[in-house]
Amino acid sequence: MTAPAPPLDGLAVLDRLIVEAFADLRSARAAAARTGNRRNLDVLTRAEEHLDALLEYRHAVVHRASPPAAGVAAEPGRRRDRPR
């Protein structure tokens, strides 16, 4: 069973984490550009993965919280002028 989606105003904490992860990625990229050793490249990879995970989670939360589409427009391949 999946957990219920948090209210949209609860995205403030998630957005703050995304901003922090983006800042971490920016500094990791700068460090990797200065000295491309193995440690800096590993830190860069982890920073990218962390930001990606947060962004994917936010995307899922927003789409899970939005109401489902209804009507003819929500039915792919179906046209209004085609008889039912």
N, C-alpha and C. Protein backbone atom coordinates (compact mmCIF):
# COMPACT_ATOMS: atom_id res chain seq x y z
N MET A 1 0.84 -1.17 0.00
CA MET A 1 0.00 0.00 0.00
C MET A 1 0.89 1.24 0.00
N THR A 2 0.49 2.23 -0.79
CA THR A 2 1.28 3.46 -0.87
C THR A 2 0.79 4.47 0.15
N ALA A 3 1.68 5.34 0.54
CA ALA A 3 1.32 6.39 1.50
C ALA A 3 0.53 7.48 0.80
N PRO A 4 -0.39 8.11 1.50
CA PRO A 4 -1.15 9.20 0.88
C PRO A 4 -0.23 10.37 0.56
N ALA A 5 -0.60 11.10 -0.46
CA ALA A 5 0.19 12.25 -0.87
C ALA A 5 0.08 13.35 0.17
N PRO A 6 1.20 14.01 0.48
CA PRO A 6 1.13 15.11 1.44
C PRO A 6 0.40 16.30 0.83
N PRO A 7 -0.16 17.17 1.64
CA PRO A 7 -0.82 18.34 1.08
C PRO A 7 0.18 19.20 0.32
N LEU A 8 -0.30 19.94 -0.66
CA LEU A 8 0.60 20.71 -1.50
C LEU A 8 1.39 21.76 -0.72
N ASP A 9 0.84 22.28 0.37
CA ASP A 9 1.62 23.23 1.16
C ASP A 9 2.77 22.53 1.88
N GLY A 10 2.72 21.21 1.94
CA GLY A 10 3.80 20.44 2.53
C GLY A 10 5.00 20.33 1.59
N LEU A 11 4.86 20.84 0.39
CA LEU A 11 5.97 20.79 -0.56
C LEU A 11 7.06 21.80 -0.22
N ALA A 12 6.81 22.69 0.71
CA ALA A 12 7.81 23.70 1.06
C ALA A 12 9.07 23.04 1.59
N VAL A 13 8.92 22.03 2.42
CA VAL A 13 10.10 21.33 2.96
C VAL A 13 10.83 20.61 1.83
N LEU A 14 10.09 19.95 0.98
CA LEU A 14 10.70 19.25 -0.15
C LEU A 14 11.40 20.23 -1.08
N ASP A 15 10.77 21.37 -1.35
CA ASP A 15 11.40 22.37 -2.20
C ASP A 15 12.69 22.90 -1.58
N ARG A 16 12.71 23.07 -0.26
CA ARG A 16 13.92 23.52 0.41
C ARG A 16 15.03 22.47 0.26
N LEU A 17 14.67 21.20 0.37
CA LEU A 17 15.66 20.13 0.18
C LEU A 17 16.18 20.11 -1.25
N ILE A 18 15.31 20.40 -2.21
CA ILE A 18 15.73 20.44 -3.61
C ILE A 18 16.71 21.59 -3.83
N VAL A 19 16.43 22.75 -3.25
CA VAL A 19 17.34 23.89 -3.38
C VAL A 19 18.70 23.57 -2.76
N GLU A 20 18.69 22.93 -1.60
CA GLU A 20 19.95 22.54 -0.96
C GLU A 20 20.71 21.52 -1.81
N ALA A 21 20.00 20.57 -2.37
CA ALA A 21 20.64 19.55 -3.21
C ALA A 21 21.21 20.18 -4.47
N PHE A 22 20.52 21.19 -5.00
CA PHE A 22 21.02 21.88 -6.19
C PHE A 22 22.29 22.65 -5.85
N ALA A 23 22.34 23.28 -4.68
CA ALA A 23 23.55 23.99 -4.25
C ALA A 23 24.70 23.00 -4.05
N ASP A 24 24.39 21.84 -3.47
CA ASP A 24 25.42 20.80 -3.30
C ASP A 24 25.95 20.34 -4.65
N LEU A 25 25.06 20.17 -5.61
CA LEU A 25 25.48 19.75 -6.95
C LEU A 25 26.36 20.82 -7.59
N ARG A 26 25.98 22.07 -7.42
CA ARG A 26 26.77 23.17 -8.00
C ARG A 26 28.19 23.17 -7.43
N SER A 27 28.32 23.00 -6.12
CA SER A 27 29.66 23.00 -5.53
C SER A 27 30.42 21.73 -5.90
N ALA A 28 29.73 20.61 -6.03
CA ALA A 28 30.39 19.37 -6.46
C ALA A 28 30.90 19.49 -7.89
N ARG A 29 30.15 20.15 -8.74
CA ARG A 29 30.60 20.36 -10.12
C ARG A 29 31.82 21.26 -10.16
N ALA A 30 31.82 22.29 -9.32
CA ALA A 30 32.97 23.19 -9.28
C ALA A 30 34.20 22.45 -8.79
N ALA A 31 34.05 21.63 -7.76
CA ALA A 31 35.18 20.87 -7.23
C ALA A 31 35.69 19.87 -8.25
N ALA A 32 34.79 19.22 -8.98
CA ALA A 32 35.20 18.25 -10.00
C ALA A 32 35.88 18.95 -11.17
N ALA A 33 35.48 20.18 -11.46
CA ALA A 33 36.12 20.92 -12.55
C ALA A 33 37.54 21.34 -12.16
N ARG A 34 37.73 21.69 -10.88
CA ARG A 34 39.06 22.09 -10.42
C ARG A 34 40.00 20.88 -10.37
N THR A 35 39.54 19.83 -9.73
CA THR A 35 40.35 18.63 -9.55
C THR A 35 39.48 17.42 -9.83
N GLY A 36 39.65 16.85 -10.98
CA GLY A 36 38.80 15.73 -11.38
C GLY A 36 39.28 14.40 -10.83
N ASN A 37 39.61 14.35 -9.55
CA ASN A 37 40.05 13.07 -8.99
C ASN A 37 38.83 12.19 -8.69
N ARG A 38 39.11 10.97 -8.31
CA ARG A 38 38.05 9.97 -8.11
C ARG A 38 37.06 10.39 -7.01
N ARG A 39 37.58 10.94 -5.93
CA ARG A 39 36.72 11.34 -4.81
C ARG A 39 35.74 12.43 -5.25
N ASN A 40 36.24 13.45 -5.95
CA ASN A 40 35.35 14.54 -6.41
C ASN A 40 34.32 14.04 -7.41
N LEU A 41 34.72 13.11 -8.26
CA LEU A 41 33.77 12.56 -9.23
C LEU A 41 32.70 11.73 -8.54
N ASP A 42 33.07 11.01 -7.49
CA ASP A 42 32.08 10.25 -6.72
C ASP A 42 31.10 11.19 -6.01
N VAL A 43 31.62 12.27 -5.44
CA VAL A 43 30.76 13.25 -4.78
C VAL A 43 29.81 13.88 -5.80
N LEU A 44 30.31 14.16 -6.98
CA LEU A 44 29.48 14.73 -8.05
C LEU A 44 28.37 13.75 -8.44
N THR A 45 28.70 12.49 -8.60
CA THR A 45 27.70 11.49 -8.97
C THR A 45 26.63 11.36 -7.89
N ARG A 46 27.04 11.33 -6.64
CA ARG A 46 26.06 11.23 -5.55
C ARG A 46 25.17 12.46 -5.48
N ALA A 47 25.74 13.64 -5.72
CA ALA A 47 24.95 14.87 -5.69
C ALA A 47 23.92 14.87 -6.82
N GLU A 48 24.31 14.41 -8.00
CA GLU A 48 23.37 14.32 -9.12
C GLU A 48 22.24 13.34 -8.81
N GLU A 49 22.61 12.19 -8.27
CA GLU A 49 21.60 11.18 -7.94
C GLU A 49 20.64 11.68 -6.86
N HIS A 50 21.16 12.39 -5.88
CA HIS A 50 20.32 12.91 -4.80
C HIS A 50 19.32 13.93 -5.34
N LEU A 51 19.80 14.86 -6.16
CA LEU A 51 18.90 15.85 -6.75
C LEU A 51 17.87 15.17 -7.65
N ASP A 52 18.29 14.23 -8.46
CA ASP A 52 17.35 13.51 -9.33
C ASP A 52 16.26 12.81 -8.53
N ALA A 53 16.65 12.17 -7.44
CA ALA A 53 15.68 11.45 -6.61
C ALA A 53 14.66 12.42 -6.01
N LEU A 54 15.14 13.56 -5.53
CA LEU A 54 14.21 14.54 -4.95
C LEU A 54 13.26 15.10 -6.01
N LEU A 55 13.79 15.39 -7.20
CA LEU A 55 12.94 15.92 -8.27
C LEU A 55 11.92 14.88 -8.74
N GLU A 56 12.33 13.63 -8.84
CA GLU A 56 11.39 12.58 -9.23
C GLU A 56 10.30 12.41 -8.17
N TYR A 57 10.69 12.48 -6.91
CA TYR A 57 9.71 12.36 -5.84
C TYR A 57 8.71 13.52 -5.90
N ARG A 58 9.22 14.74 -6.10
CA ARG A 58 8.32 15.89 -6.18
C ARG A 58 7.37 15.76 -7.35
N HIS A 59 7.88 15.30 -8.47
CA HIS A 59 7.04 15.10 -9.66
C HIS A 59 5.92 14.09 -9.36
N ALA A 60 6.27 13.00 -8.70
CA ALA A 60 5.28 11.98 -8.36
C ALA A 60 4.25 12.51 -7.39
N VAL A 61 4.68 13.29 -6.40
CA VAL A 61 3.75 13.83 -5.41
C VAL A 61 2.77 14.78 -6.07
N VAL A 62 3.25 15.64 -6.93
CA VAL A 62 2.37 16.62 -7.58
C VAL A 62 1.36 15.91 -8.47
N HIS A 63 1.80 14.92 -9.20
CA HIS A 63 0.88 14.22 -10.10
C HIS A 63 -0.08 13.31 -9.34
N ARG A 64 0.33 12.80 -8.20
CA ARG A 64 -0.56 11.98 -7.40
C ARG A 64 -1.61 12.86 -6.72
N ALA A 65 -1.26 14.10 -6.41
CA ALA A 65 -2.17 15.00 -5.71
C ALA A 65 -3.15 15.68 -6.65
N SER A 66 -2.82 15.77 -7.93
CA SER A 66 -3.72 16.45 -8.86
C SER A 66 -4.90 15.53 -9.20
N PRO A 67 -6.09 16.13 -9.40
CA PRO A 67 -7.26 15.30 -9.69
C PRO A 67 -7.13 14.63 -11.05
N PRO A 68 -7.67 13.45 -11.21
CA PRO A 68 -7.58 12.76 -12.50
C PRO A 68 -8.41 13.47 -13.55
N ALA A 69 -7.94 13.41 -14.76
CA ALA A 69 -8.67 14.02 -15.87
C ALA A 69 -9.93 13.21 -16.16
N ALA A 70 -10.96 13.89 -16.61
CA ALA A 70 -12.22 13.22 -16.90
C ALA A 70 -12.77 13.72 -18.22
N GLY A 71 -13.61 12.94 -18.81
CA GLY A 71 -14.28 13.36 -20.03
C GLY A 71 -13.60 12.81 -21.27
N VAL A 72 -14.06 13.30 -22.40
CA VAL A 72 -13.59 12.82 -23.70
C VAL A 72 -12.12 13.16 -23.89
N ALA A 73 -11.70 14.34 -23.43
CA ALA A 73 -10.32 14.76 -23.62
C ALA A 73 -9.35 13.84 -22.87
N ALA A 74 -9.80 13.18 -21.84
CA ALA A 74 -8.93 12.30 -21.06
C ALA A 74 -8.78 10.93 -21.68
N GLU A 75 -9.60 10.62 -22.67
CA GLU A 75 -9.56 9.31 -23.30
C GLU A 75 -8.71 9.36 -24.56
N PRO A 76 -7.50 8.82 -24.51
CA PRO A 76 -6.64 8.86 -25.69
C PRO A 76 -7.24 8.07 -26.84
N GLY A 77 -7.09 8.61 -28.01
CA GLY A 77 -7.58 7.91 -29.20
C GLY A 77 -9.06 8.07 -29.44
N ARG A 78 -9.74 8.79 -28.61
CA ARG A 78 -11.17 8.97 -28.77
C ARG A 78 -11.45 10.37 -29.26
N ARG A 79 -12.33 10.47 -30.23
CA ARG A 79 -12.65 11.78 -30.80
C ARG A 79 -14.10 12.10 -30.51
N ARG A 80 -14.40 13.37 -30.42
CA ARG A 80 -15.76 13.80 -30.11
C ARG A 80 -16.76 13.45 -31.20
N ASP A 81 -16.31 13.55 -32.44
CA ASP A 81 -17.25 13.35 -33.54
C ASP A 81 -17.43 11.88 -33.90
N ARG A 82 -16.70 10.98 -33.28
CA ARG A 82 -16.85 9.56 -33.55
C ARG A 82 -18.01 9.01 -32.72
N PRO A 83 -18.90 8.26 -33.31
CA PRO A 83 -20.02 7.70 -32.53
C PRO A 83 -19.51 6.70 -31.51
N ARG A 84 -20.22 6.64 -30.42
CA ARG A 84 -19.82 5.74 -29.33
C ARG A 84 -20.31 4.38 -29.57
